[in-house]
Amino acid sequence: MLIVKVLHIWMVVSWFAGLFYLPRIFVNLAMVERSSVAERARLLLMAGKLYRFMTPIGVLAVVLGFWLWFGFGFGGGWLHAKTGLVGVLVGYHLWCGRLLRDFEADRNTRGPLWFRWFNEMPVLILLAVTYLAVLKPF
């Protein structure tokens, strides 16, 4: 079971790297001038590859997390709260995919400042999840 825990932590760290970096690419995409076709194409390529790379990593992180939950039989309100926050992260991940499709179709209406704030959401969720997992307050 410790191997599953190691793999879970590894997948979570990797998934969060993508969740932190993809919205930063969105900030840059929102700043690109319409006339800068090559720069926009390069950023879209990077964002698309990152999203396709981080999606299976996120799936593995969630699957391994459930494996740990059911394998160890953890209980308590903290775990339910943590699982709820993971659900929010999955929604955030899917929202990133929607935003990427909007950029690809040239339908983005949001500015770089909005994406800078959007980029802070996983940071706050990581703080809450770490607090719950380590301290198990309830």
Protein backbone atom coordinates (compact mmCIF):
# COMPACT_ATOMS: atom_id res chain seq x y z
CA MET A 1 0.00 0.00 0.00
CA LEU A 2 2.93 2.35 0.54
CA ILE A 3 3.78 2.06 -3.16
CA VAL A 4 0.23 3.16 -3.98
CA LYS A 5 0.68 6.12 -1.62
CA VAL A 6 3.97 7.09 -3.28
CA LEU A 7 2.40 6.85 -6.73
CA HIS A 8 -0.60 8.89 -5.56
CA ILE A 9 1.62 11.67 -4.21
CA TRP A 10 3.70 11.62 -7.40
CA MET A 11 0.60 11.89 -9.60
CA VAL A 12 -0.90 14.65 -7.45
CA VAL A 13 2.29 16.70 -7.62
CA SER A 14 2.49 16.20 -11.39
CA TRP A 15 -1.18 17.05 -11.89
CA PHE A 16 -0.81 20.22 -9.84
CA ALA A 17 2.18 21.26 -11.92
CA GLY A 18 -0.14 21.22 -14.93
CA LEU A 19 -2.97 22.93 -13.03
CA PHE A 20 -0.56 25.71 -12.05
CA TYR A 21 1.08 26.13 -15.46
CA LEU A 22 -1.83 25.84 -17.93
CA PRO A 23 -3.61 28.97 -16.66
CA ARG A 24 -0.30 30.83 -16.90
CA ILE A 25 -0.26 29.94 -20.59
CA PHE A 26 -3.82 31.30 -20.74
CA VAL A 27 -2.57 34.60 -19.26
CA ASN A 28 -0.06 34.82 -22.10
CA LEU A 29 -2.65 33.83 -24.70
CA ALA A 30 -4.97 36.56 -23.45
CA MET A 31 -2.12 39.09 -23.83
CA VAL A 32 -1.11 38.10 -27.37
CA GLU A 33 -1.94 40.62 -30.08
CA ARG A 34 -4.27 39.30 -32.79
CA SER A 35 -1.61 40.05 -35.38
CA SER A 36 0.92 37.77 -33.66
CA VAL A 37 -0.21 34.55 -35.33
CA ALA A 38 2.98 32.54 -34.73
CA GLU A 39 3.13 33.37 -31.01
CA ARG A 40 -0.55 32.50 -30.55
CA ALA A 41 -0.10 29.22 -32.44
CA ARG A 42 2.92 28.30 -30.32
CA LEU A 43 1.09 29.03 -27.05
CA LEU A 44 -1.95 27.06 -28.22
CA LEU A 45 0.28 24.13 -29.12
CA MET A 46 1.92 24.23 -25.68
CA ALA A 47 -1.44 24.51 -23.89
CA GLY A 48 -2.97 21.67 -25.89
CA LYS A 49 -0.04 19.34 -25.29
CA LEU A 50 0.02 20.17 -21.58
CA TYR A 51 -3.73 19.55 -21.22
CA ARG A 52 -3.51 16.22 -23.02
CA PHE A 53 -0.52 15.24 -20.85
CA MET A 54 -1.97 16.28 -17.50
CA THR A 55 -5.42 14.72 -18.01
CA PRO A 56 -4.35 11.07 -17.60
CA ILE A 57 -2.11 12.11 -14.70
CA GLY A 58 -5.11 13.68 -12.98
CA VAL A 59 -7.17 10.55 -13.60
CA LEU A 60 -4.40 8.41 -12.08
CA ALA A 61 -4.14 10.74 -9.06
CA VAL A 62 -7.88 10.39 -8.39
CA VAL A 63 -7.94 6.61 -8.98
CA LEU A 64 -4.95 6.06 -6.68
CA GLY A 65 -6.57 8.30 -4.07
CA PHE A 66 -9.71 6.17 -4.09
CA TRP A 67 -7.57 3.04 -3.96
CA LEU A 68 -5.94 4.38 -0.80
CA TRP A 69 -9.28 5.35 0.69
CA PHE A 70 -10.85 1.95 0.13
CA GLY A 71 -7.62 0.02 0.80
CA PHE A 72 -6.90 1.67 4.14
CA GLY A 73 -10.53 2.22 5.04
CA PHE A 74 -9.99 5.80 6.19
CA GLY A 75 -12.97 7.52 7.69
CA GLY A 76 -13.93 10.86 9.08
CA GLY A 77 -15.32 14.13 7.90
CA TRP A 78 -11.90 15.38 6.82
CA LEU A 79 -11.76 12.72 4.10
CA HIS A 80 -15.17 13.63 2.77
CA ALA A 81 -14.20 17.31 2.72
CA LYS A 82 -10.94 16.43 0.95
CA THR A 83 -12.81 14.31 -1.60
CA GLY A 84 -15.20 17.20 -2.21
CA LEU A 85 -12.25 19.50 -2.88
CA VAL A 86 -10.81 16.93 -5.28
CA GLY A 87 -14.16 17.07 -7.08
CA VAL A 88 -13.74 20.85 -7.33
CA LEU A 89 -10.25 20.28 -8.79
CA VAL A 90 -11.66 17.89 -11.38
CA GLY A 91 -14.19 20.58 -12.29
CA TYR A 92 -11.37 23.15 -12.50
CA HIS A 93 -9.42 20.81 -14.77
CA LEU A 94 -12.43 20.40 -17.06
CA TRP A 95 -13.01 24.16 -17.01
CA CYS A 96 -9.40 24.59 -18.19
CA GLY A 97 -10.22 22.28 -21.10
CA ARG A 98 -13.24 24.44 -21.95
CA LEU A 99 -11.14 27.61 -21.81
CA LEU A 100 -8.54 25.96 -24.06
CA ARG A 101 -11.24 25.12 -26.62
CA ASP A 102 -12.44 28.73 -26.45
CA PHE A 103 -8.92 29.97 -27.20
CA GLU A 104 -8.56 27.48 -30.05
CA ALA A 105 -11.85 28.66 -31.56
CA ASP A 106 -10.90 32.32 -30.96
CA ARG A 107 -13.89 32.74 -28.61
CA ASN A 108 -12.04 33.90 -25.49
CA THR A 109 -13.58 37.04 -23.99
CA ARG A 110 -11.56 37.22 -20.76
CA GLY A 111 -8.48 39.31 -20.15
CA PRO A 112 -5.12 38.41 -18.60
CA LEU A 113 -6.10 39.75 -15.17
CA TRP A 114 -9.03 37.32 -14.98
CA PHE A 115 -6.71 34.44 -15.82
CA ARG A 116 -4.22 35.56 -13.16
CA TRP A 117 -6.98 35.28 -10.54
CA PHE A 118 -8.22 32.03 -12.07
CA ASN A 119 -4.69 30.66 -11.67
CA GLU A 120 -4.89 31.13 -7.88
CA MET A 121 -7.78 28.70 -7.35
CA PRO A 122 -5.71 25.47 -7.32
CA VAL A 123 -3.23 27.09 -4.91
CA LEU A 124 -5.99 27.68 -2.36
CA ILE A 125 -7.44 24.21 -2.87
CA LEU A 126 -3.99 22.64 -2.44
CA LEU A 127 -3.60 24.48 0.85
CA ALA A 128 -6.97 23.22 2.09
CA VAL A 129 -6.38 19.63 0.92
CA THR A 130 -2.93 19.52 2.52
CA TYR A 131 -4.36 20.90 5.78
CA LEU A 132 -7.10 18.27 5.79
CA ALA A 133 -4.80 15.36 4.87
CA VAL A 134 -2.11 16.18 7.41
CA LEU A 135 -4.08 17.50 10.41
CA LYS A 136 -7.34 15.55 9.94
CA PRO A 137 -9.21 18.21 11.95
CA PHE A 138 -12.56 16.39 12.03
